[in-house]
Amino acid sequence: MHILHIISSPRGNAAFSIQLCNAVIDKLLAANPGSTVQVYDLTNKSFPHMEEVYLQAINTPAEQHTPAQQDAVRHSDDAIAALQAADTIVIGAPMYNFGISSTLKAWLDHIVRARVTFRYTEHGPQGLVENKKVYIVTSSGGIYSEGPMASYDFVVPYLRAVLGTLGMTDLTVVRVEGTAIPGVQDTAMEKALASIDVSSAPSLVEA
């Protein structure tokens, strides 16, 4: 198994999302010895926000790209290659102001490409990134999986929509939540760790 780990928190090892992602990956590695992990730390490997030359590049055949367009689309090509090479993707998506970070949004903008990761059909978009297992690992100071604040969660529904459009529909959500709530925060990570289930992940089978 080849695992792609997407980090979007700037808090390093103190980040709840990174701690929980690492726990998910540890369980995947324990279940699949010999697997490999590629880390994409978006806080260090920043993806530029969309600009005119990038939009021109993704709407122009590759053989017609100018040098500037080739440079603009390079980040996208690399990100898509890493995505396609992975069997399992673990995405750390801490909640900021009810949504994902701008760094994670920029990465998504570079992997969502018509004719490359999805295509338009008469029946709507068809995803071209298939046979992937995805873990969405999200952290939040409040509780958004249920209760009165559930409608304010724009992390998981958005990622389900975007990744599903690309063909990645086998999603498992792992949450650490309530990290800022007295009486909840002390056991939030313990509860999150206990919820990790990697039994649905693809396994290596000897022929």
N, C-alpha and C. Protein backbone atom coordinates (compact mmCIF):
# COMPACT_ATOMS: atom_id res chain seq x y z
N MET A 1 0.83 -1.19 0.00
CA MET A 1 0.00 0.00 0.00
C MET A 1 0.87 1.25 0.00
N HIS A 2 0.48 2.23 -0.79
CA HIS A 2 1.16 3.53 -0.79
C HIS A 2 0.18 4.54 -0.24
N ILE A 3 0.60 5.24 0.83
CA ILE A 3 -0.26 6.17 1.55
C ILE A 3 0.21 7.60 1.27
N LEU A 4 -0.72 8.47 0.93
CA LEU A 4 -0.44 9.88 0.77
C LEU A 4 -1.02 10.63 1.95
N HIS A 5 -0.17 11.34 2.69
CA HIS A 5 -0.58 12.08 3.89
C HIS A 5 -0.56 13.57 3.58
N ILE A 6 -1.74 14.19 3.64
CA ILE A 6 -1.87 15.62 3.38
C ILE A 6 -1.99 16.35 4.71
N ILE A 7 -1.03 17.24 4.97
CA ILE A 7 -1.02 18.05 6.19
C ILE A 7 -1.41 19.48 5.82
N SER A 8 -2.38 20.05 6.56
CA SER A 8 -2.76 21.44 6.27
C SER A 8 -2.75 22.33 7.51
N SER A 9 -2.38 21.78 8.66
CA SER A 9 -2.29 22.60 9.87
C SER A 9 -0.91 23.20 10.00
N PRO A 10 -0.82 24.49 10.34
CA PRO A 10 0.48 25.13 10.53
C PRO A 10 1.05 24.94 11.94
N ARG A 11 0.37 24.14 12.77
CA ARG A 11 0.75 24.04 14.18
C ARG A 11 1.76 22.92 14.46
N GLY A 12 2.20 22.22 13.43
CA GLY A 12 3.19 21.17 13.62
C GLY A 12 2.68 20.05 14.51
N ASN A 13 3.57 19.46 15.29
CA ASN A 13 3.19 18.31 16.10
C ASN A 13 2.18 18.63 17.18
N ALA A 14 1.95 19.91 17.46
CA ALA A 14 0.95 20.29 18.45
C ALA A 14 -0.47 20.20 17.88
N ALA A 15 -0.59 20.07 16.57
CA ALA A 15 -1.91 20.06 15.93
C ALA A 15 -2.63 18.75 16.21
N PHE A 16 -3.87 18.86 16.63
CA PHE A 16 -4.68 17.66 16.87
C PHE A 16 -4.88 16.87 15.59
N SER A 17 -5.06 17.57 14.47
CA SER A 17 -5.30 16.86 13.20
C SER A 17 -4.09 16.05 12.79
N ILE A 18 -2.88 16.60 13.01
CA ILE A 18 -1.67 15.87 12.65
C ILE A 18 -1.49 14.66 13.57
N GLN A 19 -1.72 14.83 14.85
CA GLN A 19 -1.61 13.72 15.79
C GLN A 19 -2.57 12.59 15.39
N LEU A 20 -3.79 12.97 15.02
CA LEU A 20 -4.79 11.96 14.68
C LEU A 20 -4.48 11.31 13.33
N CYS A 21 -3.99 12.09 12.37
CA CYS A 21 -3.56 11.52 11.09
C CYS A 21 -2.44 10.50 11.30
N ASN A 22 -1.48 10.86 12.15
CA ASN A 22 -0.37 9.94 12.42
C ASN A 22 -0.88 8.64 13.04
N ALA A 23 -1.88 8.74 13.89
CA ALA A 23 -2.45 7.53 14.50
C ALA A 23 -3.14 6.66 13.46
N VAL A 24 -3.86 7.30 12.53
CA VAL A 24 -4.50 6.55 11.44
C VAL A 24 -3.44 5.84 10.60
N ILE A 25 -2.39 6.56 10.26
CA ILE A 25 -1.33 5.98 9.43
C ILE A 25 -0.62 4.86 10.16
N ASP A 26 -0.39 5.02 11.46
CA ASP A 26 0.24 3.94 12.25
C ASP A 26 -0.59 2.66 12.18
N LYS A 27 -1.90 2.80 12.26
CA LYS A 27 -2.77 1.62 12.18
C LYS A 27 -2.75 1.01 10.78
N LEU A 28 -2.69 1.86 9.77
CA LEU A 28 -2.61 1.35 8.40
C LEU A 28 -1.31 0.59 8.18
N LEU A 29 -0.21 1.14 8.70
CA LEU A 29 1.09 0.48 8.54
C LEU A 29 1.14 -0.83 9.32
N ALA A 30 0.52 -0.86 10.49
CA ALA A 30 0.50 -2.09 11.28
C ALA A 30 -0.29 -3.18 10.56
N ALA A 31 -1.35 -2.78 9.86
CA ALA A 31 -2.17 -3.75 9.14
C ALA A 31 -1.56 -4.14 7.80
N ASN A 32 -0.65 -3.32 7.29
CA ASN A 32 -0.04 -3.56 5.98
C ASN A 32 1.46 -3.31 6.05
N PRO A 33 2.21 -4.22 6.66
CA PRO A 33 3.67 -4.04 6.78
C PRO A 33 4.31 -3.85 5.41
N GLY A 34 5.31 -2.99 5.37
CA GLY A 34 6.00 -2.74 4.12
C GLY A 34 5.39 -1.63 3.29
N SER A 35 4.29 -1.04 3.77
CA SER A 35 3.67 0.06 3.04
C SER A 35 4.56 1.30 3.10
N THR A 36 4.32 2.21 2.17
CA THR A 36 5.10 3.44 2.11
C THR A 36 4.19 4.64 2.34
N VAL A 37 4.81 5.73 2.81
CA VAL A 37 4.06 6.95 3.10
C VAL A 37 4.75 8.13 2.43
N GLN A 38 3.99 8.91 1.69
CA GLN A 38 4.47 10.18 1.13
C GLN A 38 3.75 11.31 1.84
N VAL A 39 4.50 12.25 2.39
CA VAL A 39 3.91 13.36 3.13
C VAL A 39 3.91 14.62 2.27
N TYR A 40 2.75 15.23 2.15
CA TYR A 40 2.60 16.53 1.51
C TYR A 40 2.22 17.51 2.60
N ASP A 41 3.20 18.27 3.09
CA ASP A 41 2.93 19.29 4.11
C ASP A 41 2.63 20.59 3.38
N LEU A 42 1.38 20.95 3.32
CA LEU A 42 0.97 22.12 2.53
C LEU A 42 1.41 23.43 3.16
N THR A 43 1.81 23.40 4.43
CA THR A 43 2.29 24.62 5.06
C THR A 43 3.73 24.93 4.67
N ASN A 44 4.44 23.91 4.19
CA ASN A 44 5.81 24.10 3.71
C ASN A 44 5.88 24.05 2.19
N LYS A 45 4.99 23.26 1.60
CA LYS A 45 4.95 23.12 0.14
C LYS A 45 3.69 23.83 -0.34
N SER A 46 3.75 25.14 -0.30
CA SER A 46 2.56 25.94 -0.59
C SER A 46 2.19 25.85 -2.07
N PHE A 47 0.90 25.73 -2.31
CA PHE A 47 0.39 25.76 -3.67
C PHE A 47 -0.12 27.16 -3.96
N PRO A 48 0.34 27.77 -5.02
CA PRO A 48 -0.11 29.13 -5.32
C PRO A 48 -1.61 29.17 -5.59
N HIS A 49 -2.22 30.27 -5.21
CA HIS A 49 -3.63 30.43 -5.51
C HIS A 49 -3.80 30.60 -7.02
N MET A 50 -5.00 30.28 -7.48
CA MET A 50 -5.25 30.33 -8.91
C MET A 50 -5.02 31.74 -9.47
N GLU A 51 -4.40 31.77 -10.64
CA GLU A 51 -4.16 33.03 -11.33
C GLU A 51 -4.44 32.83 -12.81
N GLU A 52 -4.41 33.89 -13.57
CA GLU A 52 -4.82 33.83 -14.97
C GLU A 52 -3.98 32.84 -15.77
N VAL A 53 -2.66 32.84 -15.58
CA VAL A 53 -1.81 31.96 -16.39
C VAL A 53 -2.09 30.50 -16.07
N TYR A 54 -2.42 30.19 -14.82
CA TYR A 54 -2.76 28.81 -14.46
C TYR A 54 -4.06 28.38 -15.13
N LEU A 55 -5.06 29.24 -15.09
CA LEU A 55 -6.34 28.91 -15.72
C LEU A 55 -6.17 28.76 -17.23
N GLN A 56 -5.30 29.56 -17.82
CA GLN A 56 -5.01 29.41 -19.25
C GLN A 56 -4.36 28.05 -19.52
N ALA A 57 -3.44 27.67 -18.64
CA ALA A 57 -2.70 26.42 -18.84
C ALA A 57 -3.60 25.20 -18.79
N ILE A 58 -4.51 25.16 -17.80
CA ILE A 58 -5.33 23.95 -17.65
C ILE A 58 -6.42 23.88 -18.71
N ASN A 59 -6.59 24.95 -19.46
CA ASN A 59 -7.57 24.94 -20.55
C ASN A 59 -6.89 24.97 -21.92
N THR A 60 -5.60 24.66 -21.95
CA THR A 60 -4.83 24.62 -23.19
C THR A 60 -4.15 23.26 -23.30
N PRO A 61 -4.19 22.60 -24.45
CA PRO A 61 -3.49 21.32 -24.60
C PRO A 61 -2.02 21.44 -24.20
N ALA A 62 -1.50 20.41 -23.54
CA ALA A 62 -0.14 20.46 -23.00
C ALA A 62 0.90 20.77 -24.07
N GLU A 63 0.71 20.24 -25.27
CA GLU A 63 1.70 20.46 -26.32
C GLU A 63 1.72 21.90 -26.82
N GLN A 64 0.73 22.69 -26.42
CA GLN A 64 0.67 24.09 -26.83
C GLN A 64 1.05 25.05 -25.69
N HIS A 65 1.48 24.51 -24.56
CA HIS A 65 1.81 25.36 -23.43
C HIS A 65 3.02 26.26 -23.71
N THR A 66 2.91 27.49 -23.29
CA THR A 66 4.06 28.39 -23.29
C THR A 66 4.94 28.04 -22.08
N PRO A 67 6.18 28.51 -22.03
CA PRO A 67 7.01 28.27 -20.84
C PRO A 67 6.34 28.74 -19.55
N ALA A 68 5.66 29.87 -19.59
CA ALA A 68 4.98 30.38 -18.40
C ALA A 68 3.84 29.46 -17.97
N GLN A 69 3.12 28.93 -18.95
CA GLN A 69 2.03 28.00 -18.63
C GLN A 69 2.56 26.68 -18.10
N GLN A 70 3.67 26.21 -18.64
CA GLN A 70 4.28 24.99 -18.14
C GLN A 70 4.67 25.15 -16.67
N ASP A 71 5.22 26.30 -16.33
CA ASP A 71 5.62 26.56 -14.95
C ASP A 71 4.39 26.67 -14.05
N ALA A 72 3.33 27.29 -14.54
CA ALA A 72 2.13 27.51 -13.74
C ALA A 72 1.41 26.20 -13.42
N VAL A 73 1.48 25.23 -14.34
CA VAL A 73 0.75 23.99 -14.16
C VAL A 73 1.58 22.90 -13.49
N ARG A 74 2.84 23.18 -13.26
CA ARG A 74 3.75 22.18 -12.69
C ARG A 74 3.29 21.69 -11.32
N HIS A 75 2.84 22.61 -10.47
CA HIS A 75 2.38 22.23 -9.13
C HIS A 75 1.18 21.28 -9.24
N SER A 76 0.31 21.58 -10.16
CA SER A 76 -0.87 20.75 -10.37
C SER A 76 -0.49 19.36 -10.86
N ASP A 77 0.41 19.30 -11.83
CA ASP A 77 0.85 18.01 -12.36
C ASP A 77 1.47 17.15 -11.26
N ASP A 78 2.31 17.76 -10.43
CA ASP A 78 2.97 17.01 -9.35
C ASP A 78 1.96 16.51 -8.33
N ALA A 79 1.01 17.36 -7.97
CA ALA A 79 0.01 16.99 -6.97
C ALA A 79 -0.87 15.86 -7.48
N ILE A 80 -1.25 15.93 -8.74
CA ILE A 80 -2.11 14.89 -9.32
C ILE A 80 -1.35 13.57 -9.45
N ALA A 81 -0.08 13.64 -9.80
CA ALA A 81 0.74 12.43 -9.90
C ALA A 81 0.84 11.74 -8.54
N ALA A 82 1.03 12.52 -7.47
CA ALA A 82 1.09 11.95 -6.13
C ALA A 82 -0.24 11.34 -5.73
N LEU A 83 -1.32 12.00 -6.09
CA LEU A 83 -2.66 11.49 -5.79
C LEU A 83 -2.92 10.18 -6.51
N GLN A 84 -2.60 10.14 -7.80
CA GLN A 84 -2.85 8.94 -8.60
C GLN A 84 -1.99 7.76 -8.14
N ALA A 85 -0.81 8.04 -7.60
CA ALA A 85 0.10 6.97 -7.17
C ALA A 85 -0.33 6.33 -5.85
N ALA A 86 -1.18 7.00 -5.11
CA ALA A 86 -1.56 6.53 -3.78
C ALA A 86 -2.72 5.54 -3.83
N ASP A 87 -2.67 4.56 -2.93
CA ASP A 87 -3.80 3.66 -2.73
C ASP A 87 -4.75 4.24 -1.68
N THR A 88 -4.16 4.88 -0.68
CA THR A 88 -4.91 5.44 0.43
C THR A 88 -4.44 6.87 0.66
N ILE A 89 -5.40 7.77 0.88
CA ILE A 89 -5.08 9.17 1.13
C ILE A 89 -5.61 9.54 2.51
N VAL A 90 -4.75 10.12 3.34
CA VAL A 90 -5.14 10.58 4.67
C VAL A 90 -5.02 12.10 4.66
N ILE A 91 -6.15 12.78 4.78
CA ILE A 91 -6.18 14.24 4.67
C ILE A 91 -6.46 14.85 6.03
N GLY A 92 -5.49 15.60 6.53
CA GLY A 92 -5.71 16.35 7.76
C GLY A 92 -6.40 17.66 7.44
N ALA A 93 -7.61 17.85 8.00
CA ALA A 93 -8.41 19.02 7.65
C ALA A 93 -8.96 19.68 8.91
N PRO A 94 -8.10 20.39 9.66
CA PRO A 94 -8.61 21.12 10.82
C PRO A 94 -9.60 22.19 10.39
N MET A 95 -10.59 22.45 11.25
CA MET A 95 -11.59 23.46 10.94
C MET A 95 -11.10 24.84 11.35
N TYR A 96 -11.16 25.77 10.41
CA TYR A 96 -10.86 27.16 10.68
C TYR A 96 -12.06 27.99 10.23
N ASN A 97 -12.69 28.68 11.16
CA ASN A 97 -13.83 29.53 10.81
C ASN A 97 -14.89 28.75 10.03
N PHE A 98 -15.14 27.54 10.49
CA PHE A 98 -16.18 26.64 9.97
C PHE A 98 -15.81 25.97 8.66
N GLY A 99 -14.61 26.22 8.12
CA GLY A 99 -14.23 25.61 6.85
C GLY A 99 -12.79 25.10 6.88
N ILE A 100 -12.30 24.73 5.71
CA ILE A 100 -10.93 24.25 5.61
C ILE A 100 -9.96 25.41 5.48
N SER A 101 -8.68 25.14 5.66
CA SER A 101 -7.66 26.18 5.54
C SER A 101 -7.49 26.58 4.08
N SER A 102 -6.95 27.77 3.88
CA SER A 102 -6.71 28.24 2.51
C SER A 102 -5.65 27.39 1.82
N THR A 103 -4.71 26.83 2.59
CA THR A 103 -3.69 25.99 1.98
C THR A 103 -4.29 24.69 1.43
N LEU A 104 -5.23 24.12 2.16
CA LEU A 104 -5.88 22.90 1.68
C LEU A 104 -6.76 23.22 0.47
N LYS A 105 -7.43 24.36 0.51
CA LYS A 105 -8.26 24.76 -0.63
C LYS A 105 -7.40 24.95 -1.87
N ALA A 106 -6.20 25.52 -1.71
CA ALA A 106 -5.32 25.71 -2.87
C ALA A 106 -4.91 24.37 -3.45
N TRP A 107 -4.60 23.38 -2.59
CA TRP A 107 -4.25 22.04 -3.08
C TRP A 107 -5.41 21.44 -3.87
N LEU A 108 -6.60 21.58 -3.34
CA LEU A 108 -7.78 21.05 -4.04
C LEU A 108 -7.94 21.73 -5.40
N ASP A 109 -7.71 23.03 -5.45
CA ASP A 109 -7.84 23.75 -6.72
C ASP A 109 -6.83 23.25 -7.76
N HIS A 110 -5.74 22.66 -7.30
CA HIS A 110 -4.72 22.15 -8.22
C HIS A 110 -4.96 20.70 -8.63
N ILE A 111 -5.77 19.96 -7.87
CA ILE A 111 -6.04 18.57 -8.26
C ILE A 111 -7.37 18.41 -8.97
N VAL A 112 -8.22 19.42 -8.92
CA VAL A 112 -9.50 19.36 -9.62
C VAL A 112 -9.31 19.94 -11.02
N ARG A 113 -9.13 19.05 -11.99
CA ARG A 113 -8.87 19.49 -13.37
C ARG A 113 -9.70 18.70 -14.36
N ALA A 114 -10.51 19.43 -15.11
CA ALA A 114 -11.32 18.80 -16.15
C ALA A 114 -10.42 18.09 -17.15
N ARG A 115 -10.86 16.91 -17.56
CA ARG A 115 -10.18 16.04 -18.53
C ARG A 115 -8.97 15.32 -17.92
N VAL A 116 -8.64 15.62 -16.67
CA VAL A 116 -7.51 14.97 -16.01
C VAL A 116 -7.98 14.17 -14.80
N THR A 117 -8.67 14.82 -13.86
CA THR A 117 -9.17 14.12 -12.68
C THR A 117 -10.70 13.96 -12.71
N PHE A 118 -11.35 14.64 -13.63
CA PHE A 118 -12.78 14.41 -13.87
C PHE A 118 -13.09 14.88 -15.28
N ARG A 119 -14.24 14.47 -15.78
CA ARG A 119 -14.66 14.94 -17.09
C ARG A 119 -16.15 15.21 -17.06
N TYR A 120 -16.57 16.11 -17.92
CA TYR A 120 -17.98 16.41 -18.04
C TYR A 120 -18.63 15.44 -19.02
N THR A 121 -19.81 14.96 -18.66
CA THR A 121 -20.59 14.09 -19.54
C THR A 121 -22.01 14.62 -19.61
N GLU A 122 -22.80 14.02 -20.47
CA GLU A 122 -24.19 14.45 -20.58
C GLU A 122 -24.98 14.15 -19.31
N HIS A 123 -24.40 13.30 -18.44
CA HIS A 123 -25.06 12.97 -17.18
C HIS A 123 -24.44 13.68 -15.98
N GLY A 124 -23.55 14.63 -16.25
CA GLY A 124 -22.89 15.36 -15.18
C GLY A 124 -21.42 14.96 -15.07
N PRO A 125 -20.71 15.51 -14.09
CA PRO A 125 -19.28 15.21 -13.94
C PRO A 125 -19.04 13.73 -13.63
N GLN A 126 -17.98 13.19 -14.20
CA GLN A 126 -17.56 11.81 -13.94
C GLN A 126 -16.13 11.83 -13.40
N GLY A 127 -15.94 11.28 -12.21
CA GLY A 127 -14.62 11.25 -11.60
C GLY A 127 -13.69 10.28 -12.29
N LEU A 128 -12.42 10.65 -12.39
CA LEU A 128 -11.41 9.82 -13.03
C LEU A 128 -10.35 9.32 -12.05
N VAL A 129 -10.50 9.66 -10.76
CA VAL A 129 -9.58 9.19 -9.72
C VAL A 129 -10.33 8.13 -8.92
N GLU A 130 -10.14 6.89 -9.29
CA GLU A 130 -10.94 5.81 -8.71
C GLU A 130 -10.08 4.83 -7.92
N ASN A 131 -10.77 3.96 -7.19
CA ASN A 131 -10.12 2.90 -6.41
C ASN A 131 -9.16 3.46 -5.36
N LYS A 132 -9.60 4.51 -4.69
CA LYS A 132 -8.83 5.10 -3.61
C LYS A 132 -9.64 5.02 -2.32
N LYS A 133 -8.94 4.79 -1.22
CA LYS A 133 -9.55 4.89 0.10
C LYS A 133 -9.08 6.19 0.71
N VAL A 134 -10.02 7.00 1.22
CA VAL A 134 -9.68 8.30 1.78
C VAL A 134 -10.14 8.40 3.22
N TYR A 135 -9.25 8.89 4.06
CA TYR A 135 -9.59 9.22 5.44
C TYR A 135 -9.55 10.74 5.58
N ILE A 136 -10.69 11.31 5.94
CA ILE A 136 -10.76 12.74 6.25
C ILE A 136 -10.62 12.87 7.76
N VAL A 137 -9.54 13.49 8.19
CA VAL A 137 -9.26 13.64 9.62
C VAL A 137 -9.43 15.11 9.97
N THR A 138 -10.45 15.42 10.75
CA THR A 138 -10.74 16.80 11.05
C THR A 138 -10.72 17.05 12.55
N SER A 139 -10.32 18.27 12.91
CA SER A 139 -10.27 18.66 14.32
C SER A 139 -11.01 19.98 14.48
N SER A 140 -11.61 20.16 15.64
CA SER A 140 -12.36 21.39 15.88
C SER A 140 -12.48 21.65 17.38
N GLY A 141 -12.52 22.93 17.73
CA GLY A 141 -12.68 23.30 19.13
C GLY A 141 -14.07 23.02 19.63
N GLY A 142 -15.06 23.11 18.75
CA GLY A 142 -16.43 22.79 19.12
C GLY A 142 -16.84 21.41 18.64
N ILE A 143 -18.11 21.09 18.78
CA ILE A 143 -18.65 19.80 18.34
C ILE A 143 -19.57 20.05 17.16
N TYR A 144 -19.23 19.44 16.03
CA TYR A 144 -19.96 19.68 14.79
C TYR A 144 -20.50 18.40 14.16
N SER A 145 -20.21 17.26 14.74
CA SER A 145 -20.71 16.01 14.17
C SER A 145 -22.19 15.82 14.46
N GLU A 146 -22.69 16.52 15.47
CA GLU A 146 -24.10 16.43 15.86
C GLU A 146 -24.44 17.66 16.69
N GLY A 147 -25.71 17.79 17.00
CA GLY A 147 -26.13 18.89 17.87
C GLY A 147 -26.37 20.19 17.13
N PRO A 148 -26.52 21.28 17.87
CA PRO A 148 -26.93 22.57 17.28
C PRO A 148 -25.93 23.18 16.32
N MET A 149 -24.65 22.77 16.39
CA MET A 149 -23.63 23.36 15.52
C MET A 149 -23.36 22.51 14.28
N ALA A 150 -24.08 21.42 14.10
CA ALA A 150 -23.80 20.51 12.98
C ALA A 150 -23.93 21.21 11.63
N SER A 151 -24.87 22.14 11.52
CA SER A 151 -25.07 22.82 10.23
C SER A 151 -23.95 23.79 9.90
N TYR A 152 -23.06 24.05 10.86
CA TYR A 152 -21.93 24.95 10.63
C TYR A 152 -20.68 24.21 10.15
N ASP A 153 -20.78 22.91 9.99
CA ASP A 153 -19.63 22.13 9.51
C ASP A 153 -19.57 22.22 8.00
N PHE A 154 -18.64 23.02 7.50
CA PHE A 154 -18.44 23.13 6.06
C PHE A 154 -17.13 22.46 5.64
N VAL A 155 -16.59 21.62 6.53
CA VAL A 155 -15.37 20.87 6.22
C VAL A 155 -15.71 19.55 5.57
N VAL A 156 -16.40 18.68 6.31
CA VAL A 156 -16.69 17.33 5.81
C VAL A 156 -17.62 17.35 4.60
N PRO A 157 -18.74 18.08 4.64
CA PRO A 157 -19.61 18.08 3.44
C PRO A 157 -18.89 18.59 2.20
N TYR A 158 -18.06 19.61 2.36
CA TYR A 158 -17.35 20.16 1.20
C TYR A 158 -16.35 19.15 0.65
N LEU A 159 -15.58 18.53 1.53
CA LEU A 159 -14.60 17.55 1.06
C LEU A 159 -15.29 16.34 0.43
N ARG A 160 -16.40 15.91 0.98
CA ARG A 160 -17.17 14.81 0.35
C ARG A 160 -17.57 15.19 -1.07
N ALA A 161 -18.04 16.42 -1.24
CA ALA A 161 -18.50 16.86 -2.56
C ALA A 161 -17.36 16.93 -3.56
N VAL A 162 -16.26 17.56 -3.16
CA VAL A 162 -15.14 17.74 -4.09
C VAL A 162 -14.48 16.41 -4.42
N LEU A 163 -14.15 15.63 -3.40
CA LEU A 163 -13.47 14.35 -3.63
C LEU A 163 -14.40 13.39 -4.38
N GLY A 164 -15.68 13.42 -4.06
CA GLY A 164 -16.64 12.57 -4.76
C GLY A 164 -16.73 12.90 -6.24
N THR A 165 -16.63 14.18 -6.56
CA THR A 165 -16.65 14.61 -7.96
C THR A 165 -15.47 14.03 -8.72
N LEU A 166 -14.35 13.82 -8.02
CA LEU A 166 -13.16 13.26 -8.66
C LEU A 166 -13.18 11.73 -8.69
N GLY A 167 -14.21 11.12 -8.09
CA GLY A 167 -14.32 9.66 -8.10
C GLY A 167 -13.93 9.00 -6.80
N MET A 168 -13.56 9.78 -5.80
CA MET A 168 -13.17 9.22 -4.51
C MET A 168 -14.37 9.26 -3.57
N THR A 169 -15.09 8.15 -3.53
CA THR A 169 -16.32 8.07 -2.74
C THR A 169 -16.20 7.14 -1.54
N ASP A 170 -15.10 6.41 -1.43
CA ASP A 170 -14.88 5.54 -0.28
C ASP A 170 -14.19 6.35 0.81
N LEU A 171 -14.99 7.08 1.58
CA LEU A 171 -14.47 8.02 2.56
C LEU A 171 -14.81 7.59 3.98
N THR A 172 -13.85 7.73 4.86
CA THR A 172 -14.07 7.53 6.29
C THR A 172 -13.67 8.82 7.01
N VAL A 173 -14.56 9.31 7.86
CA VAL A 173 -14.30 10.54 8.60
C VAL A 173 -13.88 10.20 10.02
N VAL A 174 -12.77 10.76 10.46
CA VAL A 174 -12.30 10.60 11.84
C VAL A 174 -12.22 12.00 12.43
N ARG A 175 -12.89 12.20 13.57
CA ARG A 175 -12.96 13.53 14.16
C ARG A 175 -12.36 13.56 15.56
N VAL A 176 -11.63 14.63 15.84
CA VAL A 176 -11.34 15.00 17.22
C VAL A 176 -12.01 16.35 17.40
N GLU A 177 -12.98 16.41 18.28
CA GLU A 177 -13.77 17.62 18.42
C GLU A 177 -14.02 17.96 19.88
N GLY A 178 -14.37 19.20 20.11
CA GLY A 178 -14.57 19.66 21.47
C GLY A 178 -13.27 19.95 22.19
N THR A 179 -12.22 20.23 21.44
CA THR A 179 -10.90 20.44 22.05
C THR A 179 -10.80 21.75 22.82
N ALA A 180 -11.81 22.61 22.68
CA ALA A 180 -11.82 23.88 23.42
C ALA A 180 -12.94 23.93 24.45
N ILE A 181 -13.66 22.84 24.63
CA ILE A 181 -14.82 22.83 25.52
C ILE A 181 -14.43 22.24 26.87
N PRO A 182 -14.56 23.00 27.96
CA PRO A 182 -14.27 22.45 29.29
C PRO A 182 -15.13 21.22 29.57
N GLY A 183 -14.51 20.21 30.13
CA GLY A 183 -15.24 18.98 30.43
C GLY A 183 -15.26 17.99 29.28
N VAL A 184 -14.89 18.46 28.09
CA VAL A 184 -14.85 17.60 26.91
C VAL A 184 -13.41 17.47 26.41
N GLN A 185 -12.67 18.58 26.48
CA GLN A 185 -11.34 18.64 25.88
C GLN A 185 -10.37 17.62 26.45
N ASP A 186 -10.54 17.27 27.73
CA ASP A 186 -9.57 16.37 28.36
C ASP A 186 -9.61 14.95 27.78
N THR A 187 -10.76 14.56 27.25
CA THR A 187 -10.90 13.21 26.70
C THR A 187 -11.15 13.20 25.20
N ALA A 188 -11.06 14.38 24.56
CA ALA A 188 -11.39 14.48 23.14
C ALA A 188 -10.47 13.62 22.28
N MET A 189 -9.16 13.68 22.52
CA MET A 189 -8.23 12.90 21.71
C MET A 189 -8.36 11.41 22.01
N GLU A 190 -8.56 11.07 23.26
CA GLU A 190 -8.72 9.66 23.62
C GLU A 190 -9.92 9.06 22.90
N LYS A 191 -11.02 9.81 22.86
CA LYS A 191 -12.22 9.35 22.16
C LYS A 191 -11.96 9.22 20.67
N ALA A 192 -11.24 10.18 20.11
CA ALA A 192 -10.94 10.16 18.67
C ALA A 192 -10.07 8.96 18.31
N LEU A 193 -9.05 8.71 19.10
CA LEU A 193 -8.15 7.58 18.84
C LEU A 193 -8.91 6.26 18.89
N ALA A 194 -9.84 6.15 19.83
CA ALA A 194 -10.62 4.92 19.96
C ALA A 194 -11.56 4.69 18.78
N SER A 195 -11.87 5.78 18.05
CA SER A 195 -12.82 5.66 16.94
C SER A 195 -12.18 5.22 15.63
N ILE A 196 -10.86 5.18 15.58
CA ILE A 196 -10.17 4.86 14.32
C ILE A 196 -10.43 3.42 13.91
N ASP A 197 -10.89 3.25 12.69
CA ASP A 197 -11.15 1.91 12.14
C ASP A 197 -10.59 1.86 10.73
N VAL A 198 -9.57 1.05 10.52
CA VAL A 198 -8.96 0.94 9.20
C VAL A 198 -9.31 -0.37 8.52
N SER A 199 -10.35 -1.03 9.01
CA SER A 199 -10.70 -2.35 8.46
C SER A 199 -11.19 -2.26 7.03
N SER A 200 -11.66 -1.08 6.60
CA SER A 200 -12.16 -0.95 5.23
C SER A 200 -11.09 -0.51 4.25
N ALA A 201 -9.87 -0.30 4.75
CA ALA A 201 -8.79 0.10 3.87
C ALA A 201 -8.35 -1.07 3.00
N PRO A 202 -7.85 -0.81 1.79
CA PRO A 202 -7.37 -1.90 0.94
C PRO A 202 -6.18 -2.58 1.60
N SER A 203 -6.11 -3.89 1.49
CA SER A 203 -5.02 -4.65 2.07
C SER A 203 -4.20 -5.31 0.98
N LEU A 204 -2.93 -5.52 1.27
CA LEU A 204 -2.07 -6.22 0.33
C LEU A 204 -2.33 -7.72 0.44
N VAL A 205 -2.50 -8.35 -0.68
CA VAL A 205 -2.81 -9.78 -0.70
C VAL A 205 -1.71 -10.49 -1.49
N GLU A 206 -1.12 -11.48 -0.89
CA GLU A 206 -0.07 -12.23 -1.59
C GLU A 206 -0.70 -13.13 -2.65
N ALA A 207 -0.09 -13.16 -3.82
CA ALA A 207 -0.61 -13.99 -4.91
C ALA A 207 -0.22 -15.44 -4.67
